[in-house]
PDB file of N, CA and C in Angstrom:
ATOM      1  N   UNK A   1      14.466 -18.400  16.400  1.00  0.00           N
ATOM      2  CA  UNK A   1      15.669 -17.697  15.974  1.00  0.00           C
ATOM      3  C   UNK A   1      15.805 -16.436  16.813  1.00  0.00           C
ATOM      4  N   UNK A   2      16.938 -16.233  17.324  1.00  0.00           N
ATOM      5  CA  UNK A   2      17.220 -15.077  18.169  1.00  0.00           C
ATOM      6  C   UNK A   2      17.839 -13.984  17.308  1.00  0.00           C
ATOM      7  N   UNK A   3      17.329 -12.780  17.447  1.00  0.00           N
ATOM      8  CA  UNK A   3      17.893 -11.640  16.729  1.00  0.00           C
ATOM      9  C   UNK A   3      18.746 -10.850  17.714  1.00  0.00           C
ATOM     10  N   UNK A   4      19.867 -10.361  17.257  1.00  0.00           N
ATOM     11  CA  UNK A   4      20.784  -9.670  18.170  1.00  0.00           C
ATOM     12  C   UNK A   4      20.478  -8.175  18.233  1.00  0.00           C
ATOM     13  N   UNK A   5      21.005  -7.571  19.253  1.00  0.00           N
ATOM     14  CA  UNK A   5      20.856  -6.123  19.441  1.00  0.00           C
ATOM     15  C   UNK A   5      21.490  -5.384  18.263  1.00  0.00           C
ATOM     16  N   UNK A   6      22.628  -5.890  17.781  1.00  0.00           N
ATOM     17  CA  UNK A   6      23.328  -5.266  16.659  1.00  0.00           C
ATOM     18  C   UNK A   6      22.479  -5.304  15.387  1.00  0.00           C
ATOM     19  N   UNK A   7      21.764  -6.423  15.187  1.00  0.00           N
ATOM     20  CA  UNK A   7      20.894  -6.527  14.009  1.00  0.00           C
ATOM     21  C   UNK A   7      19.748  -5.526  14.083  1.00  0.00           C
ATOM     22  N   UNK A   8      19.197  -5.341  15.271  1.00  0.00           N
ATOM     23  CA  UNK A   8      18.131  -4.352  15.454  1.00  0.00           C
ATOM     24  C   UNK A   8      18.674  -2.957  15.161  1.00  0.00           C
ATOM     25  N   UNK A   9      19.870  -2.655  15.651  1.00  0.00           N
ATOM     26  CA  UNK A   9      20.481  -1.352  15.395  1.00  0.00           C
ATOM     27  C   UNK A   9      20.763  -1.159  13.901  1.00  0.00           C
ATOM     28  N   UNK A  10      21.177  -2.233  13.238  1.00  0.00           N
ATOM     29  CA  UNK A  10      21.448  -2.154  11.804  1.00  0.00           C
ATOM     30  C   UNK A  10      20.161  -1.846  11.027  1.00  0.00           C
ATOM     31  N   UNK A  11      19.084  -2.544  11.347  1.00  0.00           N
ATOM     32  CA  UNK A  11      17.802  -2.314  10.684  1.00  0.00           C
ATOM     33  C   UNK A  11      17.296  -0.903  10.990  1.00  0.00           C
ATOM     34  N   UNK A  12      17.468  -0.454  12.229  1.00  0.00           N
ATOM     35  CA  UNK A  12      17.049   0.903  12.594  1.00  0.00           C
ATOM     36  C   UNK A  12      17.835   1.931  11.795  1.00  0.00           C
ATOM     37  N   UNK A  13      19.114   1.681  11.597  1.00  0.00           N
ATOM     38  CA  UNK A  13      19.942   2.609  10.815  1.00  0.00           C
ATOM     39  C   UNK A  13      19.473   2.642   9.361  1.00  0.00           C
ATOM     40  N   UNK A  14      19.181   1.468   8.785  1.00  0.00           N
ATOM     41  CA  UNK A  14      18.691   1.410   7.411  1.00  0.00           C
ATOM     42  C   UNK A  14      17.360   2.145   7.254  1.00  0.00           C
ATOM     43  N   UNK A  15      16.511   2.042   8.281  1.00  0.00           N
ATOM     44  CA  UNK A  15      15.208   2.702   8.252  1.00  0.00           C
ATOM     45  C   UNK A  15      15.284   4.140   8.745  1.00  0.00           C
ATOM     46  N   UNK A  16      16.489   4.574   9.089  1.00  0.00           N
ATOM     47  CA  UNK A  16      16.721   5.929   9.607  1.00  0.00           C
ATOM     48  C   UNK A  16      15.852   6.224  10.834  1.00  0.00           C
ATOM     49  N   UNK A  17      15.868   5.254  11.764  1.00  0.00           N
ATOM     50  CA  UNK A  17      15.125   5.382  13.010  1.00  0.00           C
ATOM     51  C   UNK A  17      16.090   5.619  14.156  1.00  0.00           C
ATOM     52  N   UNK A  18      15.721   6.520  15.026  1.00  0.00           N
ATOM     53  CA  UNK A  18      16.499   6.745  16.242  1.00  0.00           C
ATOM     54  C   UNK A  18      15.736   6.072  17.381  1.00  0.00           C
ATOM     55  N   UNK A  19      16.339   5.061  17.973  1.00  0.00           N
ATOM     56  CA  UNK A  19      15.668   4.287  19.013  1.00  0.00           C
ATOM     57  C   UNK A  19      16.324   4.508  20.363  1.00  0.00           C
ATOM     58  N   UNK A  20      15.475   4.558  21.380  1.00  0.00           N
ATOM     59  CA  UNK A  20      15.994   4.651  22.740  1.00  0.00           C
ATOM     60  C   UNK A  20      16.478   3.266  23.178  1.00  0.00           C
ATOM     61  N   UNK A  21      17.292   3.179  24.231  1.00  0.00           N
ATOM     62  CA  UNK A  21      17.740   1.857  24.714  1.00  0.00           C
ATOM     63  C   UNK A  21      16.571   0.933  25.063  1.00  0.00           C
ATOM     64  N   UNK A  22      15.501   1.496  25.627  1.00  0.00           N
ATOM     65  CA  UNK A  22      14.326   0.674  25.970  1.00  0.00           C
ATOM     66  C   UNK A  22      13.660   0.128  24.704  1.00  0.00           C
ATOM     67  N   UNK A  23      13.573   0.967  23.671  1.00  0.00           N
ATOM     68  CA  UNK A  23      12.958   0.518  22.424  1.00  0.00           C
ATOM     69  C   UNK A  23      13.801  -0.565  21.759  1.00  0.00           C
ATOM     70  N   UNK A  24      15.110  -0.422  21.845  1.00  0.00           N
ATOM     71  CA  UNK A  24      16.009  -1.435  21.255  1.00  0.00           C
ATOM     72  C   UNK A  24      15.786  -2.781  21.933  1.00  0.00           C
ATOM     73  N   UNK A  25      15.724  -2.779  23.254  1.00  0.00           N
ATOM     74  CA  UNK A  25      15.502  -4.029  23.989  1.00  0.00           C
ATOM     75  C   UNK A  25      14.147  -4.627  23.656  1.00  0.00           C
ATOM     76  N   UNK A  26      13.109  -3.777  23.637  1.00  0.00           N
ATOM     77  CA  UNK A  26      11.752  -4.253  23.355  1.00  0.00           C
ATOM     78  C   UNK A  26      11.673  -4.827  21.938  1.00  0.00           C
ATOM     79  N   UNK A  27      12.263  -4.119  20.961  1.00  0.00           N
ATOM     80  CA  UNK A  27      12.226  -4.602  19.581  1.00  0.00           C
ATOM     81  C   UNK A  27      13.041  -5.875  19.399  1.00  0.00           C
ATOM     82  N   UNK A  28      14.140  -5.989  20.113  1.00  0.00           N
ATOM     83  CA  UNK A  28      14.937  -7.216  20.049  1.00  0.00           C
ATOM     84  C   UNK A  28      14.096  -8.405  20.475  1.00  0.00           C
ATOM     85  N   UNK A  29      13.383  -8.272  21.582  1.00  0.00           N
ATOM     86  CA  UNK A  29      12.508  -9.355  22.062  1.00  0.00           C
ATOM     87  C   UNK A  29      11.368  -9.621  21.083  1.00  0.00           C
ATOM     88  N   UNK A  30      10.706  -8.559  20.633  1.00  0.00           N
ATOM     89  CA  UNK A  30       9.550  -8.722  19.752  1.00  0.00           C
ATOM     90  C   UNK A  30       9.946  -9.359  18.422  1.00  0.00           C
ATOM     91  N   UNK A  31      11.035  -8.889  17.827  1.00  0.00           N
ATOM     92  CA  UNK A  31      11.463  -9.454  16.552  1.00  0.00           C
ATOM     93  C   UNK A  31      11.922 -10.904  16.713  1.00  0.00           C
ATOM     94  N   UNK A  32      12.556 -11.223  17.821  1.00  0.00           N
ATOM     95  CA  UNK A  32      12.945 -12.611  18.085  1.00  0.00           C
ATOM     96  C   UNK A  32      11.714 -13.503  18.190  1.00  0.00           C
ATOM     97  N   UNK A  33      10.680 -13.020  18.867  1.00  0.00           N
ATOM     98  CA  UNK A  33       9.438 -13.790  18.991  1.00  0.00           C
ATOM     99  C   UNK A  33       8.780 -14.001  17.627  1.00  0.00           C
ATOM    100  N   UNK A  34       8.800 -12.982  16.795  1.00  0.00           N
ATOM    101  CA  UNK A  34       8.209 -13.105  15.450  1.00  0.00           C
ATOM    102  C   UNK A  34       8.969 -14.144  14.635  1.00  0.00           C
ATOM    103  N   UNK A  35      10.294 -14.077  14.658  1.00  0.00           N
ATOM    104  CA  UNK A  35      11.096 -15.033  13.886  1.00  0.00           C
ATOM    105  C   UNK A  35      10.945 -16.458  14.411  1.00  0.00           C
ATOM    106  N   UNK A  36      10.802 -16.612  15.720  1.00  0.00           N
ATOM    107  CA  UNK A  36      10.570 -17.937  16.302  1.00  0.00           C
ATOM    108  C   UNK A  36       9.241 -18.498  15.809  1.00  0.00           C
ATOM    109  N   UNK A  37       8.218 -17.663  15.742  1.00  0.00           N
ATOM    110  CA  UNK A  37       6.909 -18.087  15.266  1.00  0.00           C
ATOM    111  C   UNK A  37       6.978 -18.494  13.793  1.00  0.00           C
ATOM    112  N   UNK A  38       7.699 -17.719  12.982  1.00  0.00           N
ATOM    113  CA  UNK A  38       7.842 -18.051  11.563  1.00  0.00           C
ATOM    114  C   UNK A  38       8.571 -19.380  11.407  1.00  0.00           C
ATOM    115  N   UNK A  39       9.552 -19.647  12.245  1.00  0.00           N
ATOM    116  CA  UNK A  39      10.246 -20.940  12.194  1.00  0.00           C
ATOM    117  C   UNK A  39       9.271 -22.090  12.453  1.00  0.00           C
ATOM    118  N   UNK A  40       8.345 -21.891  13.396  1.00  0.00           N
ATOM    119  CA  UNK A  40       7.336 -22.925  13.670  1.00  0.00           C
ATOM    120  C   UNK A  40       6.464 -23.138  12.437  1.00  0.00           C
ATOM    121  N   UNK A  41       6.093 -22.050  11.767  1.00  0.00           N
ATOM    122  CA  UNK A  41       5.258 -22.171  10.568  1.00  0.00           C
ATOM    123  C   UNK A  41       5.999 -22.900   9.457  1.00  0.00           C
ATOM    124  N   UNK A  42       7.314 -22.696   9.368  1.00  0.00           N
ATOM    125  CA  UNK A  42       8.107 -23.361   8.332  1.00  0.00           C
ATOM    126  C   UNK A  42       8.181 -24.869   8.542  1.00  0.00           C
ATOM    127  N   UNK A  43       7.862 -25.355   9.729  1.00  0.00           N
ATOM    128  CA  UNK A  43       7.889 -26.782  10.008  1.00  0.00           C
ATOM    129  C   UNK A  43       6.638 -27.495   9.488  1.00  0.00           C
ATOM    130  N   UNK A  44       5.608 -26.742   9.130  1.00  0.00           N
ATOM    131  CA  UNK A  44       4.365 -27.338   8.640  1.00  0.00           C
ATOM    132  C   UNK A  44       4.538 -27.882   7.234  1.00  0.00           C
ATOM    133  N   UNK A  45       3.845 -28.977   6.942  1.00  0.00           N
ATOM    134  CA  UNK A  45       3.862 -29.570   5.605  1.00  0.00           C
ATOM    135  C   UNK A  45       2.814 -28.849   4.757  1.00  0.00           C
ATOM    136  N   UNK A  46       3.271 -28.096   3.779  1.00  0.00           N
ATOM    137  CA  UNK A  46       2.356 -27.330   2.931  1.00  0.00           C
ATOM    138  C   UNK A  46       2.350 -27.826   1.487  1.00  0.00           C
ATOM    139  N   UNK A  47       2.789 -29.053   1.268  1.00  0.00           N
ATOM    140  CA  UNK A  47       2.857 -29.615  -0.088  1.00  0.00           C
ATOM    141  C   UNK A  47       1.497 -29.646  -0.774  1.00  0.00           C
ATOM    142  N   UNK A  48       0.450 -29.965  -0.030  1.00  0.00           N
ATOM    143  CA  UNK A  48      -0.875 -30.120  -0.622  1.00  0.00           C
ATOM    144  C   UNK A  48      -1.710 -28.836  -0.572  1.00  0.00           C
ATOM    145  N   UNK A  49      -1.125 -27.746  -0.128  1.00  0.00           N
ATOM    146  CA  UNK A  49      -1.875 -26.493   0.012  1.00  0.00           C
ATOM    147  C   UNK A  49      -1.560 -25.583  -1.162  1.00  0.00           C
ATOM    148  N   UNK A  50      -2.619 -25.122  -1.811  1.00  0.00           N
ATOM    149  CA  UNK A  50      -2.465 -24.266  -2.981  1.00  0.00           C
ATOM    150  C   UNK A  50      -2.043 -22.858  -2.559  1.00  0.00           C
ATOM    151  N   UNK A  51      -1.057 -22.270  -3.243  1.00  0.00           N
ATOM    152  CA  UNK A  51      -0.630 -20.909  -2.895  1.00  0.00           C
ATOM    153  C   UNK A  51      -1.755 -19.897  -3.143  1.00  0.00           C
ATOM    154  N   UNK A  52      -1.819 -18.901  -2.303  1.00  0.00           N
ATOM    155  CA  UNK A  52      -2.835 -17.858  -2.453  1.00  0.00           C
ATOM    156  C   UNK A  52      -2.171 -16.487  -2.318  1.00  0.00           C
ATOM    157  N   UNK A  53      -2.804 -15.501  -2.896  1.00  0.00           N
ATOM    158  CA  UNK A  53      -2.306 -14.135  -2.759  1.00  0.00           C
ATOM    159  C   UNK A  53      -3.099 -13.379  -1.703  1.00  0.00           C
ATOM    160  N   UNK A  54      -4.235 -13.952  -1.299  1.00  0.00           N
ATOM    161  CA  UNK A  54      -5.076 -13.300  -0.302  1.00  0.00           C
ATOM    162  C   UNK A  54      -5.822 -14.368   0.483  1.00  0.00           C
ATOM    163  N   UNK A  55      -6.043 -14.127   1.749  1.00  0.00           N
ATOM    164  CA  UNK A  55      -6.704 -15.121   2.595  1.00  0.00           C
ATOM    165  C   UNK A  55      -8.150 -15.345   2.171  1.00  0.00           C
ATOM    166  N   UNK A  56      -8.836 -14.259   1.843  1.00  0.00           N
ATOM    167  CA  UNK A  56     -10.236 -14.343   1.436  1.00  0.00           C
ATOM    168  C   UNK A  56     -10.343 -14.265  -0.076  1.00  0.00           C
ATOM    169  N   UNK A  57     -11.360 -14.907  -0.630  1.00  0.00           N
ATOM    170  CA  UNK A  57     -11.563 -14.776  -2.075  1.00  0.00           C
ATOM    171  C   UNK A  57     -12.139 -13.392  -2.354  1.00  0.00           C
ATOM    172  N   UNK A  58     -11.568 -12.723  -3.327  1.00  0.00           N
ATOM    173  CA  UNK A  58     -11.987 -11.370  -3.649  1.00  0.00           C
ATOM    174  C   UNK A  58     -12.798 -11.375  -4.931  1.00  0.00           C
ATOM    175  N   UNK A  59     -13.792 -10.511  -4.982  1.00  0.00           N
ATOM    176  CA  UNK A  59     -14.558 -10.355  -6.215  1.00  0.00           C
ATOM    177  C   UNK A  59     -14.802  -8.874  -6.446  1.00  0.00           C
ATOM    178  N   UNK A  60     -14.915  -8.526  -7.699  1.00  0.00           N
ATOM    179  CA  UNK A  60     -15.125  -7.136  -8.074  1.00  0.00           C
ATOM    180  C   UNK A  60     -16.550  -6.725  -7.712  1.00  0.00           C
ATOM    181  N   UNK A  61     -16.699  -5.617  -7.018  1.00  0.00           N
ATOM    182  CA  UNK A  61     -18.031  -5.167  -6.607  1.00  0.00           C
ATOM    183  C   UNK A  61     -18.512  -3.987  -7.444  1.00  0.00           C
ATOM    184  N   UNK A  62     -17.765  -3.645  -8.482  1.00  0.00           N
ATOM    185  CA  UNK A  62     -18.158  -2.528  -9.326  1.00  0.00           C
ATOM    186  C   UNK A  62     -19.225  -2.963 -10.319  1.00  0.00           C
ATOM    187  N   UNK A  63     -19.970  -1.987 -10.776  1.00  0.00           N
ATOM    188  CA  UNK A  63     -21.014  -2.291 -11.753  1.00  0.00           C
ATOM    189  C   UNK A  63     -20.385  -2.552 -13.115  1.00  0.00           C
ATOM    190  N   UNK A  64     -21.149  -3.149 -13.980  1.00  0.00           N
ATOM    191  CA  UNK A  64     -20.687  -3.432 -15.336  1.00  0.00           C
ATOM    192  C   UNK A  64     -20.641  -2.123 -16.128  1.00  0.00           C
ATOM    193  N   UNK A  65     -19.595  -1.945 -16.922  1.00  0.00           N
ATOM    194  CA  UNK A  65     -19.498  -0.756 -17.765  1.00  0.00           C
ATOM    195  C   UNK A  65     -20.508  -0.841 -18.896  1.00  0.00           C
ATOM    196  N   UNK A  66     -21.238   0.260 -19.097  1.00  0.00           N
ATOM    197  CA  UNK A  66     -22.197   0.325 -20.195  1.00  0.00           C
ATOM    198  C   UNK A  66     -22.051   1.664 -20.888  1.00  0.00           C
ATOM    199  N   UNK A  67     -22.094   1.652 -22.194  1.00  0.00           N
ATOM    200  CA  UNK A  67     -22.034   2.896 -22.950  1.00  0.00           C
ATOM    201  C   UNK A  67     -23.366   3.618 -22.786  1.00  0.00           C
ATOM    202  N   UNK A  68     -23.296   4.917 -22.530  1.00  0.00           N
ATOM    203  CA  UNK A  68     -24.514   5.719 -22.424  1.00  0.00           C
ATOM    204  C   UNK A  68     -24.152   7.156 -22.778  1.00  0.00           C
ATOM    205  N   UNK A  69     -25.137   7.968 -23.073  1.00  0.00           N
ATOM    206  CA  UNK A  69     -24.850   9.347 -23.491  1.00  0.00           C
ATOM    207  C   UNK A  69     -24.138  10.117 -22.384  1.00  0.00           C
ATOM    208  N   UNK A  70     -23.179  10.944 -22.804  1.00  0.00           N
ATOM    209  CA  UNK A  70     -22.452  11.739 -21.820  1.00  0.00           C
ATOM    210  C   UNK A  70     -23.092  13.116 -21.687  1.00  0.00           C
ATOM    211  N   UNK A  71     -22.540  13.918 -20.795  1.00  0.00           N
ATOM    212  CA  UNK A  71     -23.030  15.268 -20.552  1.00  0.00           C
ATOM    213  C   UNK A  71     -22.793  16.121 -21.796  1.00  0.00           C
ATOM    214  N   UNK A  72     -23.793  16.870 -22.242  1.00  0.00           N
ATOM    215  CA  UNK A  72     -23.580  17.743 -23.405  1.00  0.00           C
ATOM    216  C   UNK A  72     -22.516  18.798 -23.096  1.00  0.00           C
ATOM    217  N   UNK A  73     -21.744  19.191 -24.106  1.00  0.00           N
ATOM    218  CA  UNK A  73     -20.651  20.146 -23.937  1.00  0.00           C
ATOM    219  C   UNK A  73     -21.162  21.446 -23.308  1.00  0.00           C
ATOM    220  N   UNK A  74     -22.290  21.952 -23.768  1.00  0.00           N
ATOM    221  CA  UNK A  74     -22.837  23.211 -23.239  1.00  0.00           C
ATOM    222  C   UNK A  74     -23.100  23.102 -21.742  1.00  0.00           C
ATOM    223  N   UNK A  75     -23.646  21.991 -21.328  1.00  0.00           N
ATOM    224  CA  UNK A  75     -23.954  21.769 -19.919  1.00  0.00           C
ATOM    225  C   UNK A  75     -22.661  21.678 -19.098  1.00  0.00           C
ATOM    226  N   UNK A  76     -21.644  20.997 -19.631  1.00  0.00           N
ATOM    227  CA  UNK A  76     -20.365  20.844 -18.924  1.00  0.00           C
ATOM    228  C   UNK A  76     -19.677  22.190 -18.756  1.00  0.00           C
ATOM    229  N   UNK A  77     -19.814  23.086 -19.741  1.00  0.00           N
ATOM    230  CA  UNK A  77     -19.140  24.381 -19.696  1.00  0.00           C
ATOM    231  C   UNK A  77     -19.937  25.465 -18.975  1.00  0.00           C
ATOM    232  N   UNK A  78     -21.163  25.162 -18.564  1.00  0.00           N
ATOM    233  CA  UNK A  78     -22.028  26.149 -17.902  1.00  0.00           C
ATOM    234  C   UNK A  78     -21.358  26.830 -16.710  1.00  0.00           C
ATOM    235  N   UNK A  79     -20.699  26.065 -15.848  1.00  0.00           N
ATOM    236  CA  UNK A  79     -20.096  26.618 -14.632  1.00  0.00           C
ATOM    237  C   UNK A  79     -18.592  26.858 -14.758  1.00  0.00           C
ATOM    238  N   UNK A  80     -18.053  26.719 -15.962  1.00  0.00           N
ATOM    239  CA  UNK A  80     -16.621  26.941 -16.153  1.00  0.00           C
ATOM    240  C   UNK A  80     -16.310  28.432 -15.988  1.00  0.00           C
ATOM    241  N   UNK A  81     -15.243  28.777 -15.249  1.00  0.00           N
ATOM    242  CA  UNK A  81     -14.907  30.191 -15.087  1.00  0.00           C
ATOM    243  C   UNK A  81     -14.478  30.832 -16.405  1.00  0.00           C
ATOM    244  N   UNK A  82     -13.924  30.038 -17.330  1.00  0.00           N
ATOM    245  CA  UNK A  82     -13.491  30.569 -18.612  1.00  0.00           C
ATOM    246  C   UNK A  82     -13.521  29.441 -19.638  1.00  0.00           C
ATOM    247  N   UNK A  83     -14.091  29.727 -20.793  1.00  0.00           N
ATOM    248  CA  UNK A  83     -14.123  28.720 -21.853  1.00  0.00           C
ATOM    249  C   UNK A  83     -13.884  29.416 -23.186  1.00  0.00           C
ATOM    250  N   UNK A  84     -13.478  28.602 -24.148  1.00  0.00           N
ATOM    251  CA  UNK A  84     -13.251  29.114 -25.495  1.00  0.00           C
ATOM    252  C   UNK A  84     -13.786  28.069 -26.457  1.00  0.00           C
ATOM    253  N   UNK A  85     -14.891  28.370 -27.103  1.00  0.00           N
ATOM    254  CA  UNK A  85     -15.555  27.385 -27.958  1.00  0.00           C
ATOM    255  C   UNK A  85     -15.994  26.208 -27.106  1.00  0.00           C
ATOM    256  N   UNK A  86     -15.757  24.983 -27.563  1.00  0.00           N
ATOM    257  CA  UNK A  86     -16.185  23.807 -26.786  1.00  0.00           C
ATOM    258  C   UNK A  86     -15.116  23.320 -25.796  1.00  0.00           C
ATOM    259  N   UNK A  87     -14.203  24.222 -25.355  1.00  0.00           N
ATOM    260  CA  UNK A  87     -13.098  23.820 -24.487  1.00  0.00           C
ATOM    261  C   UNK A  87     -13.062  24.633 -23.200  1.00  0.00           C
ATOM    262  N   UNK A  88     -12.508  24.024 -22.134  1.00  0.00           N
ATOM    263  CA  UNK A  88     -12.199  24.761 -20.906  1.00  0.00           C
ATOM    264  C   UNK A  88     -10.941  25.576 -21.174  1.00  0.00           C
ATOM    265  N   UNK A  89     -10.909  26.807 -20.727  1.00  0.00           N
ATOM    266  CA  UNK A  89      -9.714  27.642 -20.876  1.00  0.00           C
ATOM    267  C   UNK A  89      -9.027  27.680 -19.518  1.00  0.00           C
ATOM    268  N   UNK A  90      -7.733  27.341 -19.495  1.00  0.00           N
ATOM    269  CA  UNK A  90      -6.976  27.306 -18.251  1.00  0.00           C
ATOM    270  C   UNK A  90      -5.736  28.174 -18.393  1.00  0.00           C
ATOM    271  N   UNK A  91      -5.170  28.623 -17.272  1.00  0.00           N
ATOM    272  CA  UNK A  91      -3.957  29.445 -17.343  1.00  0.00           C
ATOM    273  C   UNK A  91      -2.798  28.657 -17.958  1.00  0.00           C
ATOM    274  N   UNK A  92      -1.980  29.346 -18.714  1.00  0.00           N
ATOM    275  CA  UNK A  92      -0.805  28.742 -19.328  1.00  0.00           C
ATOM    276  C   UNK A  92       0.226  28.469 -18.246  1.00  0.00           C
ATOM    277  N   UNK A  93       0.762  27.241 -18.194  1.00  0.00           N
ATOM    278  CA  UNK A  93       1.749  26.919 -17.172  1.00  0.00           C
ATOM    279  C   UNK A  93       3.124  26.599 -17.750  1.00  0.00           C
ATOM    280  N   UNK A  94       3.194  26.416 -19.064  1.00  0.00           N
ATOM    281  CA  UNK A  94       4.470  26.115 -19.704  1.00  0.00           C
ATOM    282  C   UNK A  94       4.770  27.264 -20.670  1.00  0.00           C
ATOM    283  N   UNK A  95       5.965  27.825 -20.548  1.00  0.00           N
ATOM    284  CA  UNK A  95       6.356  28.942 -21.414  1.00  0.00           C
ATOM    285  C   UNK A  95       6.604  28.469 -22.821  1.00  0.00           C
TER     286      UNK A  95
END
């Protein structure tokens, strides 16, 4: 599929890109080549191929969540610049 210079200019305008004449010509060729390649892929019979969301199978590499004791309040507030009782004190930002 051939893409026209006008289509490249239209897409550039939508993307708010300012392209030089050389870039317009280069992108016209490159985008045409990409669309030609996609057309070739569309000719393949994919009836027996299961759809995928990712080329590689992904697995979670995080550790399992386990309940355990948290940091004591006194220890958490040790380095706080300002605290009030068991809370961090922060500057008021809403009137």
